[in-house]
Amino acid sequence: MHAVVLVGGFGTRLRPLTNDIPKPMLPVGHVPMIERLVNRLARGGVTDVVLALGFKPEPFMEAFPDGRCGDVALTYAVEPEPLDTGGAIRFAADAAGIDSTFIVANGDVITDLDVGDLVLAHRSSGASVTLHLIGVADPSMYGVVDLDDPDASGSGAIRQFVEKPERGTEPSNLINAGTYVFEPSVLDLVPLGERTSIERDTFPELVKAGNVHGVATDDYWIDAGVPDFYRAANLDLLGDRRVHESCEAIAPGALVDPGATVMNCIVGDGAVIEGGTTTVVDSVILPGAFIGSGAQVESSLVMGRIESDATVIEAIIGADGVVEAGDHLAFSTVPEV
């Protein structure tokens, strides 16, 4: 089975981490986000993945030079210009010659969903598209759906689809969770080579025709394209929240002084944390980062350098970012975005 994975965005919400690295190439628990996604798709029966690329396609090709990720064959479909979600899906599917039922997945979604089960539900429904749905506390930030008489398993026809409604007007708390099953006929609704939003243009049209099914689950799910959620997606691998995945807190290639206090953190390969009174808590220290002696780091994402005795709280330090010795930084980014 084929899957189209949308990885062509600019990663704006995670800047400055994504100034030079595409968002899906950022690590989650020492493994690139895209690799974890492809491995999950493979567990659900996907054999071929088409990466719908736009912003900085080269890092993907360099990471998988033989065109494979594990047992999955990769195809690279590089958009000549941004085509939005619908245009990107059509472009990638055409590039790979997809002509049968296929999966579509957003590259920044981290979930334990079994896509094999989603495909089975899709085939039993006879719909053109089946959406994975998740219930959230504040659905206004997402595409919100209303299911028509869902069965005991949470499945049903979608009778309304509203993209990012005003808070308080949502038809339910169920949101589009970013994994779909498509019949190839849906591609005919997307103009070739034109900017088209699958959420704003295609899905509402299909809902009116009664051809969209939804499957609500309570699987682990997180939108890792937001800084706090990206940090949580990493730290959740240290606990028991995930079904198939976990990781060691400190990568084998990291250098962490025994005198440093490091609690509930991911520390990537090649990162350095010096000793002294250094305390690092609830943070993701990305590969190659540096934290000097006596620094205090809390609830942050660090890719650059934090010098000695600096304090960093709820901040993002990009690859070129430096927090000078003794400085105090809170609720900010370096460099600024």
C-alpha atoms as a PDB file:
ATOM      1  CA  MET A   1       0.000   0.000   0.000  1.00  0.00           C
ATOM      2  CA  HIS A   2       1.130   3.564  -0.774  1.00  0.00           C
ATOM      3  CA  ALA A   3       1.152   6.545   1.568  1.00  0.00           C
ATOM      4  CA  VAL A   4       1.627  10.222   0.768  1.00  0.00           C
ATOM      5  CA  VAL A   5       3.353  12.073   3.617  1.00  0.00           C
ATOM      6  CA  LEU A   6       3.106  15.864   3.666  1.00  0.00           C
ATOM      7  CA  VAL A   7       6.512  17.260   4.647  1.00  0.00           C
ATOM      8  CA  GLY A   8       6.853  20.323   2.433  1.00  0.00           C
ATOM      9  CA  GLY A   9       5.970  23.108   4.885  1.00  0.00           C
ATOM     10  CA  PHE A  10       8.274  25.815   6.205  1.00  0.00           C
ATOM     11  CA  GLY A  11       7.967  24.758   9.865  1.00  0.00           C
ATOM     12  CA  THR A  12       7.203  28.346  10.852  1.00  0.00           C
ATOM     13  CA  ARG A  13       5.825  27.498  14.283  1.00  0.00           C
ATOM     14  CA  LEU A  14       9.088  25.798  15.333  1.00  0.00           C
ATOM     15  CA  ARG A  15      11.465  28.547  14.269  1.00  0.00           C
ATOM     16  CA  PRO A  16      14.345  29.076  14.905  1.00  0.00           C
ATOM     17  CA  LEU A  17      14.850  25.293  15.178  1.00  0.00           C
ATOM     18  CA  THR A  18      13.639  24.967  11.584  1.00  0.00           C
ATOM     19  CA  ASN A  19      15.633  27.838  10.087  1.00  0.00           C
ATOM     20  CA  ASP A  20      17.940  25.319   8.438  1.00  0.00           C
ATOM     21  CA  ILE A  21      16.336  21.934   9.132  1.00  0.00           C
ATOM     22  CA  PRO A  22      12.912  20.834   7.818  1.00  0.00           C
ATOM     23  CA  LYS A  23      10.535  20.186  10.677  1.00  0.00           C
ATOM     24  CA  PRO A  24      10.041  16.437  10.003  1.00  0.00           C
ATOM     25  CA  MET A  25      13.830  15.951  10.162  1.00  0.00           C
ATOM     26  CA  LEU A  26      13.925  17.196  13.761  1.00  0.00           C
ATOM     27  CA  PRO A  27      14.482  14.339  16.207  1.00  0.00           C
ATOM     28  CA  VAL A  28      11.846  12.921  18.488  1.00  0.00           C
ATOM     29  CA  GLY A  29      13.608  10.724  20.997  1.00  0.00           C
ATOM     30  CA  HIS A  30      16.895  10.676  19.013  1.00  0.00           C
ATOM     31  CA  VAL A  31      15.152   9.557  15.797  1.00  0.00           C
ATOM     32  CA  PRO A  32      13.998  11.941  13.030  1.00  0.00           C
ATOM     33  CA  MET A  33      10.267  12.606  13.216  1.00  0.00           C
ATOM     34  CA  ILE A  34       9.817  11.402   9.619  1.00  0.00           C
ATOM     35  CA  GLU A  35      11.542   8.096  10.364  1.00  0.00           C
ATOM     36  CA  ARG A  36       9.221   7.388  13.290  1.00  0.00           C
ATOM     37  CA  LEU A  37       6.233   8.184  11.080  1.00  0.00           C
ATOM     38  CA  VAL A  38       7.358   5.929   8.229  1.00  0.00           C
ATOM     39  CA  ASN A  39       8.022   3.082  10.671  1.00  0.00           C
ATOM     40  CA  ARG A  40       4.500   3.465  12.080  1.00  0.00           C
ATOM     41  CA  LEU A  41       3.003   3.397   8.598  1.00  0.00           C
ATOM     42  CA  ALA A  42       4.992   0.249   7.856  1.00  0.00           C
ATOM     43  CA  ARG A  43       3.488  -1.445  10.917  1.00  0.00           C
ATOM     44  CA  GLY A  44       0.076  -0.727   9.393  1.00  0.00           C
ATOM     45  CA  GLY A  45       0.901  -2.343   6.055  1.00  0.00           C
ATOM     46  CA  VAL A  46       2.389   0.549   4.042  1.00  0.00           C
ATOM     47  CA  THR A  47       5.163  -0.561   1.680  1.00  0.00           C
ATOM     48  CA  ASP A  48       5.744   2.630  -0.347  1.00  0.00           C
ATOM     49  CA  VAL A  49       5.848   6.220   0.875  1.00  0.00           C
ATOM     50  CA  VAL A  50       5.841   9.327  -1.298  1.00  0.00           C
ATOM     51  CA  LEU A  51       7.330  12.344   0.456  1.00  0.00           C
ATOM     52  CA  ALA A  52       5.532  15.488  -0.726  1.00  0.00           C
ATOM     53  CA  LEU A  53       8.469  17.886  -0.484  1.00  0.00           C
ATOM     54  CA  GLY A  54       8.828  21.625  -0.804  1.00  0.00           C
ATOM     55  CA  PHE A  55      11.013  23.502   1.703  1.00  0.00           C
ATOM     56  CA  LYS A  56      14.592  22.149   1.758  1.00  0.00           C
ATOM     57  CA  PRO A  57      14.123  18.700   0.183  1.00  0.00           C
ATOM     58  CA  GLU A  58      17.859  17.943   0.250  1.00  0.00           C
ATOM     59  CA  PRO A  59      18.063  16.841   3.941  1.00  0.00           C
ATOM     60  CA  PHE A  60      15.478  14.123   3.288  1.00  0.00           C
ATOM     61  CA  MET A  61      17.402  12.793   0.298  1.00  0.00           C
ATOM     62  CA  GLU A  62      20.661  12.898   2.245  1.00  0.00           C
ATOM     63  CA  ALA A  63      19.103  11.035   5.180  1.00  0.00           C
ATOM     64  CA  PHE A  64      17.772   8.250   2.930  1.00  0.00           C
ATOM     65  CA  PRO A  65      20.212   8.173  -0.013  1.00  0.00           C
ATOM     66  CA  ASP A  66      19.174   4.698  -1.163  1.00  0.00           C
ATOM     67  CA  GLY A  67      15.499   5.673  -1.319  1.00  0.00           C
ATOM     68  CA  ARG A  68      14.506   3.451   1.580  1.00  0.00           C
ATOM     69  CA  CYS A  69      13.545   3.917   5.214  1.00  0.00           C
ATOM     70  CA  GLY A  70      13.751   0.497   6.801  1.00  0.00           C
ATOM     71  CA  ASP A  71      11.632  -1.821   4.672  1.00  0.00           C
ATOM     72  CA  VAL A  72       9.684   1.036   3.061  1.00  0.00           C
ATOM     73  CA  ALA A  73      10.516   2.373  -0.410  1.00  0.00           C
ATOM     74  CA  LEU A  74      10.616   6.176  -0.667  1.00  0.00           C
ATOM     75  CA  THR A  75       9.723   8.397  -3.605  1.00  0.00           C
ATOM     76  CA  TYR A  76      10.578  12.101  -3.564  1.00  0.00           C
ATOM     77  CA  ALA A  77       8.006  14.448  -5.106  1.00  0.00           C
ATOM     78  CA  VAL A  78       9.405  17.996  -5.000  1.00  0.00           C
ATOM     79  CA  GLU A  79       6.804  20.690  -5.708  1.00  0.00           C
ATOM     80  CA  PRO A  80       7.945  23.362  -8.165  1.00  0.00           C
ATOM     81  CA  GLU A  81       6.002  25.867  -6.039  1.00  0.00           C
ATOM     82  CA  PRO A  82       3.865  25.642  -2.879  1.00  0.00           C
ATOM     83  CA  LEU A  83       0.618  23.869  -3.744  1.00  0.00           C
ATOM     84  CA  ASP A  84      -1.040  23.724  -0.285  1.00  0.00           C
ATOM     85  CA  THR A  85      -2.206  20.409   1.131  1.00  0.00           C
ATOM     86  CA  GLY A  86      -4.580  19.311  -1.640  1.00  0.00           C
ATOM     87  CA  GLY A  87      -2.258  20.330  -4.456  1.00  0.00           C
ATOM     88  CA  ALA A  88       0.648  18.602  -2.732  1.00  0.00           C
ATOM     89  CA  ILE A  89      -1.289  15.343  -2.339  1.00  0.00           C
ATOM     90  CA  ARG A  90      -2.337  15.386  -6.007  1.00  0.00           C
ATOM     91  CA  PHE A  91       1.199  16.220  -7.179  1.00  0.00           C
ATOM     92  CA  ALA A  92       2.801  13.487  -5.048  1.00  0.00           C
ATOM     93  CA  ALA A  93       0.220  10.827  -5.949  1.00  0.00           C
ATOM     94  CA  ASP A  94       0.645  11.561  -9.654  1.00  0.00           C
ATOM     95  CA  ALA A  95       4.438  11.446  -9.321  1.00  0.00           C
ATOM     96  CA  ALA A  96       4.232   7.973  -7.775  1.00  0.00           C
ATOM     97  CA  GLY A  97       1.524   6.684 -10.113  1.00  0.00           C
ATOM     98  CA  ILE A  98      -0.888   5.885  -7.267  1.00  0.00           C
ATOM     99  CA  ASP A  99      -4.054   4.268  -8.621  1.00  0.00           C
ATOM    100  CA  SER A 100      -5.465   2.395  -5.616  1.00  0.00           C
ATOM    101  CA  THR A 101      -6.502   3.072  -2.028  1.00  0.00           C
ATOM    102  CA  PHE A 102      -3.758   4.992  -0.202  1.00  0.00           C
ATOM    103  CA  ILE A 103      -2.905   6.705   3.075  1.00  0.00           C
ATOM    104  CA  VAL A 104      -2.254  10.414   3.564  1.00  0.00           C
ATOM    105  CA  ALA A 105      -0.391  11.574   6.687  1.00  0.00           C
ATOM    106  CA  ASN A 106       0.791  14.923   7.981  1.00  0.00           C
ATOM    107  CA  GLY A 107       4.508  14.832   8.694  1.00  0.00           C
ATOM    108  CA  ASP A 108       4.285  16.582  12.082  1.00  0.00           C
ATOM    109  CA  VAL A 109       1.674  14.338  13.701  1.00  0.00           C
ATOM    110  CA  ILE A 110       2.892  11.911  16.362  1.00  0.00           C
ATOM    111  CA  THR A 111       0.373   9.186  17.163  1.00  0.00           C
ATOM    112  CA  ASP A 112       0.012   5.520  18.053  1.00  0.00           C
ATOM    113  CA  LEU A 113      -2.863   5.071  15.599  1.00  0.00           C
ATOM    114  CA  ASP A 114      -2.881   1.701  13.810  1.00  0.00           C
ATOM    115  CA  VAL A 115      -3.348   2.724  10.183  1.00  0.00           C
ATOM    116  CA  GLY A 116      -4.176  -0.885   9.302  1.00  0.00           C
ATOM    117  CA  ASP A 117      -7.309  -0.607  11.442  1.00  0.00           C
ATOM    118  CA  LEU A 118      -8.142   2.715   9.804  1.00  0.00           C
ATOM    119  CA  VAL A 119      -7.913   1.115   6.366  1.00  0.00           C
ATOM    120  CA  LEU A 120     -10.222  -1.725   7.434  1.00  0.00           C
ATOM    121  CA  ALA A 121     -12.805   0.775   8.718  1.00  0.00           C
ATOM    122  CA  HIS A 122     -12.520   2.723   5.461  1.00  0.00           C
ATOM    123  CA  ARG A 123     -13.118  -0.315   3.298  1.00  0.00           C
ATOM    124  CA  SER A 124     -16.125  -1.425   5.333  1.00  0.00           C
ATOM    125  CA  SER A 125     -17.711   2.036   5.076  1.00  0.00           C
ATOM    126  CA  GLY A 126     -17.479   2.385   1.287  1.00  0.00           C
ATOM    127  CA  ALA A 127     -16.522   6.070   1.672  1.00  0.00           C
ATOM    128  CA  SER A 128     -14.233   7.994  -0.652  1.00  0.00           C
ATOM    129  CA  VAL A 129     -12.235   9.341   2.298  1.00  0.00           C
ATOM    130  CA  THR A 130     -11.890   8.233   5.901  1.00  0.00           C
ATOM    131  CA  LEU A 131     -10.458  10.594   8.503  1.00  0.00           C
ATOM    132  CA  HIS A 132      -8.828   9.704  11.782  1.00  0.00           C
ATOM    133  CA  LEU A 133     -10.476  11.797  14.525  1.00  0.00           C
ATOM    134  CA  ILE A 134      -9.360  12.723  18.030  1.00  0.00           C
ATOM    135  CA  GLY A 135     -11.294  14.477  20.777  1.00  0.00           C
ATOM    136  CA  VAL A 136      -9.516  17.540  22.219  1.00  0.00           C
ATOM    137  CA  ALA A 137     -10.312  20.154  24.851  1.00  0.00           C
ATOM    138  CA  ASP A 138     -10.032  23.125  22.457  1.00  0.00           C
ATOM    139  CA  PRO A 139     -10.988  22.069  18.924  1.00  0.00           C
ATOM    140  CA  SER A 140     -11.078  25.637  17.549  1.00  0.00           C
ATOM    141  CA  MET A 141      -7.439  25.422  16.415  1.00  0.00           C
ATOM    142  CA  TYR A 142      -8.170  22.509  14.090  1.00  0.00           C
ATOM    143  CA  GLY A 143     -10.549  21.154  11.485  1.00  0.00           C
ATOM    144  CA  VAL A 144     -13.622  20.100  13.468  1.00  0.00           C
ATOM    145  CA  VAL A 145     -16.103  17.425  12.405  1.00  0.00           C
ATOM    146  CA  ASP A 146     -19.599  16.351  13.355  1.00  0.00           C
ATOM    147  CA  LEU A 147     -20.309  12.622  13.102  1.00  0.00           C
ATOM    148  CA  ASP A 148     -23.737  11.362  12.113  1.00  0.00           C
ATOM    149  CA  ASP A 149     -24.806   8.660  14.594  1.00  0.00           C
ATOM    150  CA  PRO A 150     -21.372   7.154  15.360  1.00  0.00           C
ATOM    151  CA  ASP A 151     -21.393   3.482  16.280  1.00  0.00           C
ATOM    152  CA  ALA A 152     -19.935   1.986  19.447  1.00  0.00           C
ATOM    153  CA  SER A 153     -16.434   2.056  17.962  1.00  0.00           C
ATOM    154  CA  GLY A 154     -16.611   5.801  17.270  1.00  0.00           C
ATOM    155  CA  SER A 155     -17.102   5.438  13.507  1.00  0.00           C
ATOM    156  CA  GLY A 156     -19.660   7.190  11.382  1.00  0.00           C
ATOM    157  CA  ALA A 157     -20.391   9.413   8.418  1.00  0.00           C
ATOM    158  CA  ILE A 158     -19.144  12.976   8.672  1.00  0.00           C
ATOM    159  CA  ARG A 159     -22.003  15.414   8.140  1.00  0.00           C
ATOM    160  CA  GLN A 160     -20.075  18.637   8.779  1.00  0.00           C
ATOM    161  CA  PHE A 161     -16.451  19.722   8.456  1.00  0.00           C
ATOM    162  CA  VAL A 162     -15.396  23.178   9.669  1.00  0.00           C
ATOM    163  CA  GLU A 163     -11.766  24.302   9.407  1.00  0.00           C
ATOM    164  CA  LYS A 164     -10.630  26.309  12.459  1.00  0.00           C
ATOM    165  CA  PRO A 165     -14.042  27.575  13.614  1.00  0.00           C
ATOM    166  CA  GLU A 166     -14.409  30.454  16.045  1.00  0.00           C
ATOM    167  CA  ARG A 167     -14.197  29.267  19.633  1.00  0.00           C
ATOM    168  CA  GLY A 168     -17.628  28.344  20.911  1.00  0.00           C
ATOM    169  CA  THR A 169     -19.051  27.574  17.478  1.00  0.00           C
ATOM    170  CA  GLU A 170     -17.490  24.119  17.042  1.00  0.00           C
ATOM    171  CA  PRO A 171     -19.985  21.366  16.132  1.00  0.00           C
ATOM    172  CA  SER A 172     -18.121  18.875  18.363  1.00  0.00           C
ATOM    173  CA  ASN A 173     -14.782  18.315  20.085  1.00  0.00           C
ATOM    174  CA  LEU A 174     -13.644  15.842  17.395  1.00  0.00           C
ATOM    175  CA  ILE A 175     -10.879  17.123  15.157  1.00  0.00           C
ATOM    176  CA  ASN A 176      -9.189  16.067  11.953  1.00  0.00           C
ATOM    177  CA  ALA A 177      -6.134  14.261  13.354  1.00  0.00           C
ATOM    178  CA  GLY A 178      -4.078  14.367  10.168  1.00  0.00           C
ATOM    179  CA  THR A 179      -4.188  10.762   8.937  1.00  0.00           C
ATOM    180  CA  TYR A 180      -6.561   9.795   6.128  1.00  0.00           C
ATOM    181  CA  VAL A 181      -7.436   6.959   3.784  1.00  0.00           C
ATOM    182  CA  PHE A 182      -8.156   8.084   0.206  1.00  0.00           C
ATOM    183  CA  GLU A 183      -9.667   6.436  -2.795  1.00  0.00           C
ATOM    184  CA  PRO A 184      -7.803   7.565  -5.931  1.00  0.00           C
ATOM    185  CA  SER A 185     -11.031   9.064  -7.324  1.00  0.00           C
ATOM    186  CA  VAL A 186     -10.670  11.896  -4.788  1.00  0.00           C
ATOM    187  CA  LEU A 187      -7.661  13.151  -6.735  1.00  0.00           C
ATOM    188  CA  ASP A 188      -9.972  14.111  -9.606  1.00  0.00           C
ATOM    189  CA  LEU A 189     -11.460  16.808  -7.357  1.00  0.00           C
ATOM    190  CA  VAL A 190      -8.068  18.505  -6.944  1.00  0.00           C
ATOM    191  CA  PRO A 191      -6.935  20.653  -9.889  1.00  0.00           C
ATOM    192  CA  LEU A 192      -3.514  19.526 -11.070  1.00  0.00           C
ATOM    193  CA  GLY A 193      -0.778  22.064 -10.399  1.00  0.00           C
ATOM    194  CA  GLU A 194      -3.014  24.527  -8.530  1.00  0.00           C
ATOM    195  CA  ARG A 195      -2.957  25.611  -4.896  1.00  0.00           C
ATOM    196  CA  THR A 196      -5.766  23.709  -3.204  1.00  0.00           C
ATOM    197  CA  SER A 197      -6.512  23.093   0.462  1.00  0.00           C
ATOM    198  CA  ILE A 198      -7.706  19.575   1.132  1.00  0.00           C
ATOM    199  CA  GLU A 199      -9.260  20.828   4.391  1.00  0.00           C
ATOM    200  CA  ARG A 200     -10.989  23.973   3.127  1.00  0.00           C
ATOM    201  CA  ASP A 201     -11.824  22.958  -0.439  1.00  0.00           C
ATOM    202  CA  THR A 202     -11.974  19.195  -0.943  1.00  0.00           C
ATOM    203  CA  PHE A 203     -13.291  17.798   2.343  1.00  0.00           C
ATOM    204  CA  PRO A 204     -16.357  20.114   2.566  1.00  0.00           C
ATOM    205  CA  GLU A 205     -17.266  19.205  -1.031  1.00  0.00           C
ATOM    206  CA  LEU A 206     -17.045  15.495  -0.268  1.00  0.00           C
ATOM    207  CA  VAL A 207     -19.014  15.911   2.967  1.00  0.00           C
ATOM    208  CA  LYS A 208     -21.871  17.485   1.015  1.00  0.00           C
ATOM    209  CA  ALA A 209     -21.863  14.428  -1.250  1.00  0.00           C
ATOM    210  CA  GLY A 210     -21.974  12.101   1.764  1.00  0.00           C
ATOM    211  CA  ASN A 211     -18.674  10.424   0.901  1.00  0.00           C
ATOM    212  CA  VAL A 212     -16.566  11.048   4.027  1.00  0.00           C
ATOM    213  CA  HIS A 213     -16.268   8.678   6.975  1.00  0.00           C
ATOM    214  CA  GLY A 214     -14.666   9.355  10.351  1.00  0.00           C
ATOM    215  CA  VAL A 215     -13.104   7.067  12.917  1.00  0.00           C
ATOM    216  CA  ALA A 216     -12.637   8.527  16.406  1.00  0.00           C
ATOM    217  CA  THR A 217     -10.036   6.860  18.630  1.00  0.00           C
ATOM    218  CA  ASP A 218      -8.384   7.590  21.965  1.00  0.00           C
ATOM    219  CA  ASP A 219      -4.873   6.784  20.726  1.00  0.00           C
ATOM    220  CA  TYR A 220      -1.911   8.886  21.783  1.00  0.00           C
ATOM    221  CA  TRP A 221      -1.849  11.922  19.470  1.00  0.00           C
ATOM    222  CA  ILE A 222       0.069  15.191  19.395  1.00  0.00           C
ATOM    223  CA  ASP A 223       0.691  17.975  16.888  1.00  0.00           C
ATOM    224  CA  ALA A 224       4.486  18.153  17.134  1.00  0.00           C
ATOM    225  CA  GLY A 225       4.666  21.266  14.965  1.00  0.00           C
ATOM    226  CA  VAL A 226       4.105  23.511  18.017  1.00  0.00           C
ATOM    227  CA  PRO A 227       7.057  24.134  20.410  1.00  0.00           C
ATOM    228  CA  ASP A 228       5.382  22.970  23.638  1.00  0.00           C
ATOM    229  CA  PHE A 229       3.927  19.926  21.885  1.00  0.00           C
ATOM    230  CA  TYR A 230       7.228  19.115  20.159  1.00  0.00           C
ATOM    231  CA  ARG A 231       8.908  19.140  23.565  1.00  0.00           C
ATOM    232  CA  ALA A 232       6.120  16.973  24.987  1.00  0.00           C
ATOM    233  CA  ALA A 233       6.391  14.508  22.077  1.00  0.00           C
ATOM    234  CA  ASN A 234      10.020  13.964  23.051  1.00  0.00           C
ATOM    235  CA  LEU A 235       9.531  13.774  26.807  1.00  0.00           C
ATOM    236  CA  ASP A 236       6.539  11.446  26.495  1.00  0.00           C
ATOM    237  CA  LEU A 237       8.948   8.791  25.216  1.00  0.00           C
ATOM    238  CA  LEU A 238      10.523   8.670  28.671  1.00  0.00           C
ATOM    239  CA  GLY A 239       7.316   7.519  30.346  1.00  0.00           C
ATOM    240  CA  ASP A 240       4.660   4.923  29.616  1.00  0.00           C
ATOM    241  CA  ARG A 241       2.337   7.027  27.439  1.00  0.00           C
ATOM    242  CA  ARG A 242       3.406   5.415  24.157  1.00  0.00           C
ATOM    243  CA  VAL A 243       2.350   1.979  22.905  1.00  0.00           C
ATOM    244  CA  HIS A 244       5.212   0.988  20.629  1.00  0.00           C
ATOM    245  CA  GLU A 245       7.941   3.528  21.297  1.00  0.00           C
ATOM    246  CA  SER A 246      10.298   4.727  24.014  1.00  0.00           C
ATOM    247  CA  CYS A 247      13.863   5.957  24.225  1.00  0.00           C
ATOM    248  CA  GLU A 248      16.821   6.471  26.532  1.00  0.00           C
ATOM    249  CA  ALA A 249      17.016   9.929  28.045  1.00  0.00           C
ATOM    250  CA  ILE A 250      20.649  10.534  27.104  1.00  0.00           C
ATOM    251  CA  ALA A 251      22.064   9.534  23.723  1.00  0.00           C
ATOM    252  CA  PRO A 252      25.271   7.440  23.844  1.00  0.00           C
ATOM    253  CA  GLY A 253      27.219  10.217  22.106  1.00  0.00           C
ATOM    254  CA  ALA A 254      26.198  12.956  24.549  1.00  0.00           C
ATOM    255  CA  LEU A 255      28.626  14.264  27.176  1.00  0.00           C
ATOM    256  CA  VAL A 256      26.861  14.950  30.471  1.00  0.00           C
ATOM    257  CA  ASP A 257      29.016  15.784  33.456  1.00  0.00           C
ATOM    258  CA  PRO A 258      28.130  13.588  36.459  1.00  0.00           C
ATOM    259  CA  GLY A 259      27.899  16.732  38.562  1.00  0.00           C
ATOM    260  CA  ALA A 260      25.081  18.208  36.488  1.00  0.00           C
ATOM    261  CA  THR A 261      21.465  17.739  37.549  1.00  0.00           C
ATOM    262  CA  VAL A 262      19.443  16.574  34.546  1.00  0.00           C
ATOM    263  CA  MET A 263      15.814  15.646  35.180  1.00  0.00           C
ATOM    264  CA  ASN A 264      13.083  14.624  32.711  1.00  0.00           C
ATOM    265  CA  CYS A 265      15.145  15.615  29.669  1.00  0.00           C
ATOM    266  CA  ILE A 266      16.131  14.259  26.278  1.00  0.00           C
ATOM    267  CA  VAL A 267      19.814  14.916  25.542  1.00  0.00           C
ATOM    268  CA  GLY A 268      20.823  14.341  21.933  1.00  0.00           C
ATOM    269  CA  ASP A 269      23.952  12.907  20.355  1.00  0.00           C
ATOM    270  CA  GLY A 270      26.974  15.202  20.572  1.00  0.00           C
ATOM    271  CA  ALA A 271      25.331  17.524  23.103  1.00  0.00           C
ATOM    272  CA  VAL A 272      27.476  18.731  26.016  1.00  0.00           C
ATOM    273  CA  ILE A 273      26.244  19.577  29.509  1.00  0.00           C
ATOM    274  CA  GLU A 274      28.963  20.762  31.861  1.00  0.00           C
ATOM    275  CA  GLY A 275      28.972  20.237  35.632  1.00  0.00           C
ATOM    276  CA  GLY A 276      29.126  22.572  38.566  1.00  0.00           C
ATOM    277  CA  THR A 277      25.684  23.687  39.701  1.00  0.00           C
ATOM    278  CA  THR A 278      24.156  23.076  36.272  1.00  0.00           C
ATOM    279  CA  THR A 279      20.470  22.127  36.385  1.00  0.00           C
ATOM    280  CA  VAL A 280      18.495  21.105  33.286  1.00  0.00           C
ATOM    281  CA  VAL A 281      14.822  20.188  33.771  1.00  0.00           C
ATOM    282  CA  ASP A 282      11.900  19.292  31.472  1.00  0.00           C
ATOM    283  CA  SER A 283      13.879  20.213  28.357  1.00  0.00           C
ATOM    284  CA  VAL A 284      14.990  18.825  25.014  1.00  0.00           C
ATOM    285  CA  ILE A 285      18.689  19.326  24.386  1.00  0.00           C
ATOM    286  CA  LEU A 286      19.152  18.673  20.692  1.00  0.00           C
ATOM    287  CA  PRO A 287      22.203  17.111  19.024  1.00  0.00           C
ATOM    288  CA  GLY A 288      25.292  19.306  19.192  1.00  0.00           C
ATOM    289  CA  ALA A 289      23.909  21.735  21.787  1.00  0.00           C
ATOM    290  CA  PHE A 290      26.085  23.109  24.598  1.00  0.00           C
ATOM    291  CA  ILE A 291      25.151  24.027  28.182  1.00  0.00           C
ATOM    292  CA  GLY A 292      27.910  25.563  30.299  1.00  0.00           C
ATOM    293  CA  SER A 293      28.724  25.077  33.955  1.00  0.00           C
ATOM    294  CA  GLY A 294      26.290  26.574  36.424  1.00  0.00           C
ATOM    295  CA  ALA A 295      23.583  27.210  33.810  1.00  0.00           C
ATOM    296  CA  GLN A 296      19.920  26.755  34.738  1.00  0.00           C
ATOM    297  CA  VAL A 297      17.628  25.497  31.963  1.00  0.00           C
ATOM    298  CA  GLU A 298      13.926  24.785  32.387  1.00  0.00           C
ATOM    299  CA  SER A 299      11.166  23.757  29.936  1.00  0.00           C
ATOM    300  CA  SER A 300      13.189  24.730  26.876  1.00  0.00           C
ATOM    301  CA  LEU A 301      14.313  23.531  23.449  1.00  0.00           C
ATOM    302  CA  VAL A 302      18.055  23.961  22.943  1.00  0.00           C
ATOM    303  CA  MET A 303      19.948  23.534  19.669  1.00  0.00           C
ATOM    304  CA  GLY A 304      22.646  26.201  20.158  1.00  0.00           C
ATOM    305  CA  ARG A 305      24.790  27.357  23.114  1.00  0.00           C
ATOM    306  CA  ILE A 306      23.951  28.373  26.657  1.00  0.00           C
ATOM    307  CA  GLU A 307      27.061  29.705  28.342  1.00  0.00           C
ATOM    308  CA  SER A 308      28.065  29.372  31.988  1.00  0.00           C
ATOM    309  CA  ASP A 309      25.745  30.651  34.738  1.00  0.00           C
ATOM    310  CA  ALA A 310      23.013  31.677  32.276  1.00  0.00           C
ATOM    311  CA  THR A 311      19.343  31.082  33.104  1.00  0.00           C
ATOM    312  CA  VAL A 312      16.943  29.953  30.372  1.00  0.00           C
ATOM    313  CA  ILE A 313      13.247  29.349  31.048  1.00  0.00           C
ATOM    314  CA  GLU A 314      10.622  28.306  28.462  1.00  0.00           C
ATOM    315  CA  ALA A 315      12.794  29.411  25.563  1.00  0.00           C
ATOM    316  CA  ILE A 316      13.946  28.137  22.173  1.00  0.00           C
ATOM    317  CA  ILE A 317      17.632  28.379  21.272  1.00  0.00           C
ATOM    318  CA  GLY A 318      18.281  27.808  17.568  1.00  0.00           C
ATOM    319  CA  ALA A 319      21.412  26.325  16.036  1.00  0.00           C
ATOM    320  CA  ASP A 320      23.029  29.771  15.718  1.00  0.00           C
ATOM    321  CA  GLY A 321      21.661  31.008  19.032  1.00  0.00           C
ATOM    322  CA  VAL A 322      23.927  31.900  21.949  1.00  0.00           C
ATOM    323  CA  VAL A 323      22.869  32.854  25.453  1.00  0.00           C
ATOM    324  CA  GLU A 324      25.841  34.659  26.904  1.00  0.00           C
ATOM    325  CA  ALA A 325      27.364  33.861  30.283  1.00  0.00           C
ATOM    326  CA  GLY A 326      25.232  35.107  33.158  1.00  0.00           C
ATOM    327  CA  ASP A 327      22.322  36.217  30.958  1.00  0.00           C
ATOM    328  CA  HIS A 328      18.684  35.559  31.852  1.00  0.00           C
ATOM    329  CA  LEU A 329      16.263  34.552  29.073  1.00  0.00           C
ATOM    330  CA  ALA A 330      12.592  33.640  29.515  1.00  0.00           C
ATOM    331  CA  PHE A 331       9.677  33.053  27.145  1.00  0.00           C
ATOM    332  CA  SER A 332      11.728  34.025  24.108  1.00  0.00           C
ATOM    333  CA  THR A 333      13.815  32.713  21.206  1.00  0.00           C
ATOM    334  CA  VAL A 334      17.443  33.143  20.170  1.00  0.00           C
ATOM    335  CA  PRO A 335      17.779  34.276  17.481  1.00  0.00           C
ATOM    336  CA  GLU A 336      14.497  36.171  17.498  1.00  0.00           C
ATOM    337  CA  VAL A 337      11.841  35.132  14.971  1.00  0.00           C
END
